[in-house]
């Protein structure tokens, strides 16, 4: 059976911990963390497929757009999940990702609830949604 792979790109250690624990609470334990774009790209280029890429809605717009262009050419994660809120002065990153044809599973605000995360994960198509718990 496929083990669901999550990659969290998050520069804030406190948010990394919260996100990791939230996915573990959903029965997902194959969670990797990156805090910078080179680390994220390196993880995406590995042989282990990434099913979901978790991004901070407040990440730098230039980094996000560069990442989205990369993902549009090399669609490795099956879904994107945005957490947090944008600062309000930049583009809506989830909308930008959708414009490039990327699948945005959901946008969850901070503080993120495990119930909301569970509902978002429940919208994953089978067999991707096959996970413990």
N, C-alpha and C. Protein backbone atom coordinates (compact mmCIF):
# COMPACT_ATOMS: atom_id res chain seq x y z
N UNK A 1 0.84 -1.19 0.00
CA UNK A 1 0.00 0.00 0.00
C UNK A 1 0.88 1.24 0.00
N UNK A 2 0.48 2.23 -0.74
CA UNK A 2 1.20 3.50 -0.84
C UNK A 2 1.17 4.22 0.50
N UNK A 3 2.32 4.70 0.93
CA UNK A 3 2.39 5.51 2.14
C UNK A 3 2.38 6.97 1.74
N UNK A 4 1.39 7.69 2.21
CA UNK A 4 1.18 9.09 1.88
C UNK A 4 2.38 9.91 2.33
N UNK A 5 2.94 10.69 1.40
CA UNK A 5 4.14 11.49 1.67
C UNK A 5 3.78 12.98 1.71
N UNK A 6 4.17 13.64 2.80
CA UNK A 6 3.90 15.06 2.98
C UNK A 6 5.23 15.80 3.07
N UNK A 7 5.31 16.91 2.35
CA UNK A 7 6.47 17.79 2.44
C UNK A 7 5.97 19.15 2.90
N UNK A 8 6.51 19.63 4.00
CA UNK A 8 6.12 20.92 4.56
C UNK A 8 7.26 21.90 4.33
N UNK A 9 6.98 22.94 3.57
CA UNK A 9 7.95 24.04 3.38
C UNK A 9 7.52 25.15 4.33
N UNK A 10 8.29 25.31 5.39
CA UNK A 10 7.92 26.28 6.42
C UNK A 10 9.19 26.76 7.13
N UNK A 11 9.51 28.06 7.02
CA UNK A 11 10.75 28.55 7.64
C UNK A 11 10.65 28.73 9.16
N UNK A 12 9.44 28.79 9.72
CA UNK A 12 9.28 29.03 11.16
C UNK A 12 9.26 27.70 11.93
N UNK A 13 10.25 27.46 12.79
CA UNK A 13 10.32 26.18 13.52
C UNK A 13 9.05 25.87 14.32
N UNK A 14 8.45 26.87 14.94
CA UNK A 14 7.25 26.63 15.74
C UNK A 14 6.12 26.13 14.84
N UNK A 15 5.96 26.72 13.68
CA UNK A 15 4.92 26.27 12.75
C UNK A 15 5.25 24.90 12.17
N UNK A 16 6.54 24.62 11.97
CA UNK A 16 6.95 23.29 11.51
C UNK A 16 6.46 22.22 12.49
N UNK A 17 6.68 22.47 13.77
CA UNK A 17 6.29 21.51 14.80
C UNK A 17 4.77 21.31 14.80
N UNK A 18 4.03 22.41 14.77
CA UNK A 18 2.57 22.33 14.79
C UNK A 18 2.04 21.55 13.58
N UNK A 19 2.57 21.85 12.42
CA UNK A 19 2.12 21.16 11.21
C UNK A 19 2.47 19.68 11.25
N UNK A 20 3.68 19.38 11.66
CA UNK A 20 4.11 17.97 11.75
C UNK A 20 3.19 17.21 12.70
N UNK A 21 2.91 17.78 13.86
CA UNK A 21 2.04 17.13 14.83
C UNK A 21 0.61 16.97 14.30
N UNK A 22 0.14 17.97 13.56
CA UNK A 22 -1.22 17.89 13.01
C UNK A 22 -1.34 16.73 12.02
N UNK A 23 -0.33 16.55 11.18
CA UNK A 23 -0.37 15.44 10.24
C UNK A 23 -0.23 14.11 10.97
N UNK A 24 0.63 14.04 11.99
CA UNK A 24 0.75 12.83 12.79
C UNK A 24 -0.57 12.49 13.46
N UNK A 25 -1.31 13.50 13.92
CA UNK A 25 -2.62 13.27 14.55
C UNK A 25 -3.61 12.68 13.56
N UNK A 26 -3.38 12.89 12.27
CA UNK A 26 -4.24 12.33 11.22
C UNK A 26 -3.77 10.94 10.78
N UNK A 27 -2.74 10.44 11.43
CA UNK A 27 -2.22 9.12 11.07
C UNK A 27 -1.22 9.15 9.94
N UNK A 28 -0.71 10.33 9.62
CA UNK A 28 0.28 10.48 8.54
C UNK A 28 1.65 10.74 9.18
N UNK A 29 2.56 9.81 8.94
CA UNK A 29 3.86 9.88 9.61
C UNK A 29 5.03 10.10 8.66
N UNK A 30 4.79 10.01 7.37
CA UNK A 30 5.85 10.27 6.39
C UNK A 30 5.83 11.75 6.04
N UNK A 31 6.34 12.52 6.98
CA UNK A 31 6.31 13.97 6.88
C UNK A 31 7.75 14.48 6.88
N UNK A 32 8.08 15.24 5.85
CA UNK A 32 9.41 15.86 5.79
C UNK A 32 9.25 17.36 5.90
N UNK A 33 10.25 18.01 6.46
CA UNK A 33 10.24 19.46 6.68
C UNK A 33 11.39 20.12 5.94
N UNK A 34 11.10 21.26 5.33
CA UNK A 34 12.15 22.08 4.75
C UNK A 34 11.90 23.52 5.17
N UNK A 35 12.97 24.25 5.30
CA UNK A 35 12.81 25.64 5.71
C UNK A 35 13.25 26.63 4.65
N UNK A 36 13.83 26.12 3.56
CA UNK A 36 14.25 27.03 2.49
C UNK A 36 13.93 26.41 1.14
N UNK A 37 13.94 27.23 0.11
CA UNK A 37 13.56 26.77 -1.22
C UNK A 37 14.53 25.73 -1.77
N UNK A 38 15.86 25.88 -1.61
CA UNK A 38 16.74 24.82 -2.11
C UNK A 38 16.43 23.46 -1.48
N UNK A 39 16.12 23.44 -0.18
CA UNK A 39 15.77 22.19 0.48
C UNK A 39 14.48 21.60 -0.05
N UNK A 40 13.51 22.47 -0.33
CA UNK A 40 12.23 22.02 -0.88
C UNK A 40 12.42 21.42 -2.26
N UNK A 41 13.16 22.10 -3.10
CA UNK A 41 13.41 21.59 -4.46
C UNK A 41 14.18 20.28 -4.42
N UNK A 42 15.14 20.16 -3.49
CA UNK A 42 15.90 18.91 -3.37
C UNK A 42 14.98 17.76 -2.97
N UNK A 43 14.05 18.00 -2.05
CA UNK A 43 13.11 16.95 -1.66
C UNK A 43 12.18 16.57 -2.80
N UNK A 44 11.74 17.56 -3.57
CA UNK A 44 10.86 17.29 -4.70
C UNK A 44 11.56 16.50 -5.79
N UNK A 45 12.89 16.63 -5.87
CA UNK A 45 13.65 15.93 -6.91
C UNK A 45 14.07 14.53 -6.51
N UNK A 46 13.78 14.13 -5.26
CA UNK A 46 14.13 12.79 -4.83
C UNK A 46 13.20 11.77 -5.45
N UNK A 47 13.60 10.50 -5.37
CA UNK A 47 12.78 9.43 -5.92
C UNK A 47 11.51 9.19 -5.12
N UNK A 48 11.52 9.53 -3.84
CA UNK A 48 10.31 9.36 -3.03
C UNK A 48 9.28 10.40 -3.46
N UNK A 49 8.14 9.98 -3.96
CA UNK A 49 7.15 10.95 -4.44
C UNK A 49 6.53 11.74 -3.29
N UNK A 50 6.21 12.98 -3.56
CA UNK A 50 5.53 13.83 -2.60
C UNK A 50 4.06 13.89 -3.02
N UNK A 51 3.19 13.49 -2.12
CA UNK A 51 1.76 13.54 -2.42
C UNK A 51 1.17 14.91 -2.13
N UNK A 52 1.66 15.54 -1.07
CA UNK A 52 1.14 16.85 -0.69
C UNK A 52 2.28 17.77 -0.29
N UNK A 53 2.27 18.96 -0.85
CA UNK A 53 3.23 20.00 -0.48
C UNK A 53 2.46 21.05 0.30
N UNK A 54 2.92 21.31 1.51
CA UNK A 54 2.28 22.29 2.39
C UNK A 54 3.10 23.57 2.35
N UNK A 55 2.42 24.68 2.06
CA UNK A 55 3.09 25.97 1.91
C UNK A 55 2.44 27.01 2.80
N UNK A 56 3.25 27.93 3.28
CA UNK A 56 2.76 29.06 4.06
C UNK A 56 2.19 30.09 3.10
N UNK A 57 0.97 30.52 3.36
CA UNK A 57 0.31 31.48 2.47
C UNK A 57 1.03 32.82 2.48
N UNK A 58 1.91 33.02 3.44
CA UNK A 58 2.64 34.29 3.56
C UNK A 58 4.09 34.17 3.07
N UNK A 59 4.38 33.12 2.30
CA UNK A 59 5.75 33.00 1.79
C UNK A 59 6.01 34.09 0.76
N UNK A 60 7.26 34.36 0.52
CA UNK A 60 7.62 35.41 -0.44
C UNK A 60 7.01 35.11 -1.81
N UNK A 61 6.36 36.10 -2.39
CA UNK A 61 5.67 35.92 -3.67
C UNK A 61 6.64 35.48 -4.76
N UNK A 62 7.85 36.04 -4.77
CA UNK A 62 8.81 35.66 -5.81
C UNK A 62 9.21 34.20 -5.69
N UNK A 63 9.42 33.73 -4.46
CA UNK A 63 9.75 32.31 -4.25
C UNK A 63 8.58 31.42 -4.64
N UNK A 64 7.38 31.84 -4.25
CA UNK A 64 6.18 31.05 -4.56
C UNK A 64 5.99 30.93 -6.06
N UNK A 65 6.08 32.04 -6.77
CA UNK A 65 5.87 32.00 -8.22
C UNK A 65 6.91 31.15 -8.92
N UNK A 66 8.15 31.23 -8.47
CA UNK A 66 9.21 30.40 -9.03
C UNK A 66 8.92 28.92 -8.77
N UNK A 67 8.50 28.59 -7.56
CA UNK A 67 8.15 27.22 -7.22
C UNK A 67 6.96 26.74 -8.05
N UNK A 68 5.94 27.58 -8.21
CA UNK A 68 4.77 27.19 -8.99
C UNK A 68 5.14 26.90 -10.45
N UNK A 69 6.01 27.72 -11.02
CA UNK A 69 6.43 27.48 -12.40
C UNK A 69 7.17 26.14 -12.50
N UNK A 70 7.99 25.86 -11.51
CA UNK A 70 8.71 24.58 -11.47
C UNK A 70 7.71 23.43 -11.38
N UNK A 71 6.73 23.56 -10.50
CA UNK A 71 5.74 22.48 -10.32
C UNK A 71 4.86 22.31 -11.55
N UNK A 72 4.59 23.38 -12.26
CA UNK A 72 3.77 23.28 -13.48
C UNK A 72 4.51 22.51 -14.57
N UNK A 73 5.85 22.61 -14.57
CA UNK A 73 6.66 21.87 -15.55
C UNK A 73 6.91 20.44 -15.09
N UNK A 74 7.12 20.27 -13.82
CA UNK A 74 7.47 18.98 -13.23
C UNK A 74 6.46 18.67 -12.11
N UNK A 75 5.24 18.31 -12.46
CA UNK A 75 4.21 18.14 -11.43
C UNK A 75 4.47 16.93 -10.53
N UNK A 76 5.16 17.17 -9.46
CA UNK A 76 5.52 16.08 -8.57
C UNK A 76 4.51 15.91 -7.43
N UNK A 77 4.19 16.94 -6.64
CA UNK A 77 3.17 16.69 -5.62
C UNK A 77 1.79 16.66 -6.27
N UNK A 78 0.94 15.82 -5.74
CA UNK A 78 -0.40 15.70 -6.29
C UNK A 78 -1.29 16.85 -5.82
N UNK A 79 -0.99 17.40 -4.64
CA UNK A 79 -1.84 18.45 -4.07
C UNK A 79 -0.99 19.47 -3.32
N UNK A 80 -1.50 20.70 -3.29
CA UNK A 80 -0.91 21.76 -2.48
C UNK A 80 -1.89 22.09 -1.38
N UNK A 81 -1.37 22.37 -0.21
CA UNK A 81 -2.18 22.82 0.92
C UNK A 81 -1.54 24.10 1.43
N UNK A 82 -2.32 25.17 1.48
CA UNK A 82 -1.82 26.43 2.01
C UNK A 82 -2.30 26.61 3.44
N UNK A 83 -1.40 27.07 4.29
CA UNK A 83 -1.75 27.35 5.68
C UNK A 83 -1.40 28.80 6.00
N UNK A 84 -2.12 29.36 6.93
CA UNK A 84 -1.89 30.74 7.34
C UNK A 84 -2.63 31.71 6.44
N UNK A 85 -2.36 32.97 6.66
CA UNK A 85 -2.97 34.03 5.88
C UNK A 85 -1.87 34.84 5.22
N UNK A 86 -2.15 35.30 4.03
CA UNK A 86 -1.22 36.19 3.36
C UNK A 86 -1.21 37.54 4.05
N UNK A 87 -0.16 38.29 3.86
CA UNK A 87 -0.03 39.60 4.49
C UNK A 87 -1.02 40.61 3.94
N UNK A 88 -1.66 40.28 2.83
CA UNK A 88 -2.67 41.17 2.27
C UNK A 88 -2.13 42.15 1.25
N UNK A 89 -0.83 42.29 1.16
CA UNK A 89 -0.26 43.25 0.21
C UNK A 89 0.31 42.56 -1.03
N UNK A 90 0.33 41.24 -1.03
CA UNK A 90 0.86 40.51 -2.18
C UNK A 90 -0.24 39.74 -2.87
N UNK A 91 0.15 38.94 -3.86
CA UNK A 91 -0.85 38.16 -4.59
C UNK A 91 -1.41 37.03 -3.73
N UNK A 92 -2.59 36.58 -4.08
CA UNK A 92 -3.19 35.41 -3.44
C UNK A 92 -2.45 34.20 -4.01
N UNK A 93 -1.59 33.59 -3.21
CA UNK A 93 -0.73 32.52 -3.72
C UNK A 93 -1.52 31.30 -4.17
N UNK A 94 -2.59 30.97 -3.46
CA UNK A 94 -3.40 29.82 -3.87
C UNK A 94 -4.03 30.08 -5.24
N UNK A 95 -4.50 31.27 -5.46
CA UNK A 95 -5.08 31.62 -6.75
C UNK A 95 -4.02 31.55 -7.85
N UNK A 96 -2.81 32.03 -7.55
CA UNK A 96 -1.72 31.97 -8.53
C UNK A 96 -1.39 30.52 -8.89
N UNK A 97 -1.38 29.65 -7.89
CA UNK A 97 -1.09 28.23 -8.14
C UNK A 97 -2.18 27.62 -9.02
N UNK A 98 -3.42 27.95 -8.73
CA UNK A 98 -4.53 27.41 -9.53
C UNK A 98 -4.45 27.89 -10.98
N UNK A 99 -4.04 29.13 -11.19
CA UNK A 99 -3.93 29.66 -12.55
C UNK A 99 -2.97 28.83 -13.39
N UNK A 100 -1.96 28.25 -12.74
CA UNK A 100 -0.98 27.43 -13.45
C UNK A 100 -1.40 25.97 -13.54
N UNK A 101 -2.62 25.67 -13.11
CA UNK A 101 -3.12 24.31 -13.21
C UNK A 101 -2.75 23.40 -12.06
N UNK A 102 -2.22 23.96 -10.97
CA UNK A 102 -1.87 23.15 -9.82
C UNK A 102 -3.12 22.94 -8.96
N UNK A 103 -3.19 21.77 -8.35
CA UNK A 103 -4.36 21.44 -7.53
C UNK A 103 -4.13 21.91 -6.10
N UNK A 104 -4.91 22.89 -5.68
CA UNK A 104 -4.87 23.38 -4.30
C UNK A 104 -5.99 22.67 -3.55
N UNK A 105 -5.61 21.79 -2.66
CA UNK A 105 -6.59 21.01 -1.90
C UNK A 105 -7.41 21.91 -0.99
N UNK A 106 -6.72 22.83 -0.29
CA UNK A 106 -7.43 23.70 0.65
C UNK A 106 -6.50 24.82 1.09
N UNK A 107 -7.11 25.79 1.77
CA UNK A 107 -6.40 26.89 2.41
C UNK A 107 -6.89 26.93 3.85
N UNK A 108 -6.00 26.67 4.79
CA UNK A 108 -6.37 26.60 6.20
C UNK A 108 -5.71 27.75 6.96
N UNK A 109 -6.48 28.50 7.72
CA UNK A 109 -5.92 29.63 8.46
C UNK A 109 -5.17 29.17 9.72
N UNK A 110 -4.34 30.06 10.23
CA UNK A 110 -3.74 29.85 11.55
C UNK A 110 -4.70 30.42 12.58
N UNK A 111 -4.82 29.87 13.74
CA UNK A 111 -4.25 28.57 14.09
C UNK A 111 -5.00 27.47 13.36
N UNK A 112 -4.24 26.51 12.85
CA UNK A 112 -4.83 25.45 12.06
C UNK A 112 -5.43 24.40 12.98
N UNK A 113 -6.62 23.98 12.66
CA UNK A 113 -7.28 22.96 13.46
C UNK A 113 -7.06 21.60 12.82
N UNK A 114 -6.86 20.57 13.65
CA UNK A 114 -6.70 19.22 13.12
C UNK A 114 -8.02 18.73 12.51
N UNK A 115 -9.14 19.25 12.99
CA UNK A 115 -10.44 18.89 12.40
C UNK A 115 -10.50 19.41 10.96
N UNK A 116 -10.11 20.67 10.75
CA UNK A 116 -10.10 21.24 9.40
C UNK A 116 -9.13 20.49 8.50
N UNK A 117 -7.97 20.12 9.04
CA UNK A 117 -7.00 19.35 8.26
C UNK A 117 -7.59 18.00 7.89
N UNK A 118 -8.26 17.34 8.83
CA UNK A 118 -8.89 16.06 8.55
C UNK A 118 -9.94 16.15 7.46
N UNK A 119 -10.73 17.23 7.48
CA UNK A 119 -11.74 17.44 6.43
C UNK A 119 -11.08 17.65 5.07
N UNK A 120 -10.00 18.42 5.06
CA UNK A 120 -9.28 18.65 3.80
C UNK A 120 -8.72 17.33 3.27
N UNK A 121 -8.11 16.55 4.13
CA UNK A 121 -7.54 15.27 3.71
C UNK A 121 -8.62 14.31 3.24
N UNK A 122 -9.82 14.45 3.79
CA UNK A 122 -10.94 13.62 3.37
C UNK A 122 -11.39 13.88 1.94
N UNK A 123 -10.98 15.00 1.38
CA UNK A 123 -11.33 15.33 -0.01
C UNK A 123 -10.32 14.77 -1.02
N UNK A 124 -9.29 14.11 -0.53
CA UNK A 124 -8.31 13.51 -1.44
C UNK A 124 -8.95 12.35 -2.19
N UNK A 125 -8.65 12.20 -3.46
CA UNK A 125 -9.20 11.07 -4.22
C UNK A 125 -8.54 9.76 -3.81
N UNK A 126 -9.26 8.67 -3.93
CA UNK A 126 -8.67 7.36 -3.71
C UNK A 126 -7.81 7.05 -4.94
N UNK A 127 -6.73 6.35 -4.87
CA UNK A 127 -6.15 5.69 -3.70
C UNK A 127 -5.25 6.61 -2.89
N UNK A 128 -5.12 7.85 -3.31
CA UNK A 128 -4.27 8.79 -2.57
C UNK A 128 -4.75 8.94 -1.13
N UNK A 129 -6.03 8.88 -0.93
CA UNK A 129 -6.61 9.09 0.40
C UNK A 129 -6.40 7.90 1.33
N UNK A 130 -5.91 6.78 0.81
CA UNK A 130 -5.70 5.63 1.67
C UNK A 130 -4.62 5.94 2.68
N UNK A 131 -5.04 6.03 3.92
CA UNK A 131 -4.12 6.34 5.01
C UNK A 131 -4.65 5.69 6.25
N UNK A 132 -3.79 5.49 7.24
CA UNK A 132 -4.26 4.87 8.47
C UNK A 132 -5.24 5.78 9.19
N UNK A 133 -6.06 5.19 10.02
CA UNK A 133 -6.96 5.96 10.89
C UNK A 133 -8.16 6.34 10.17
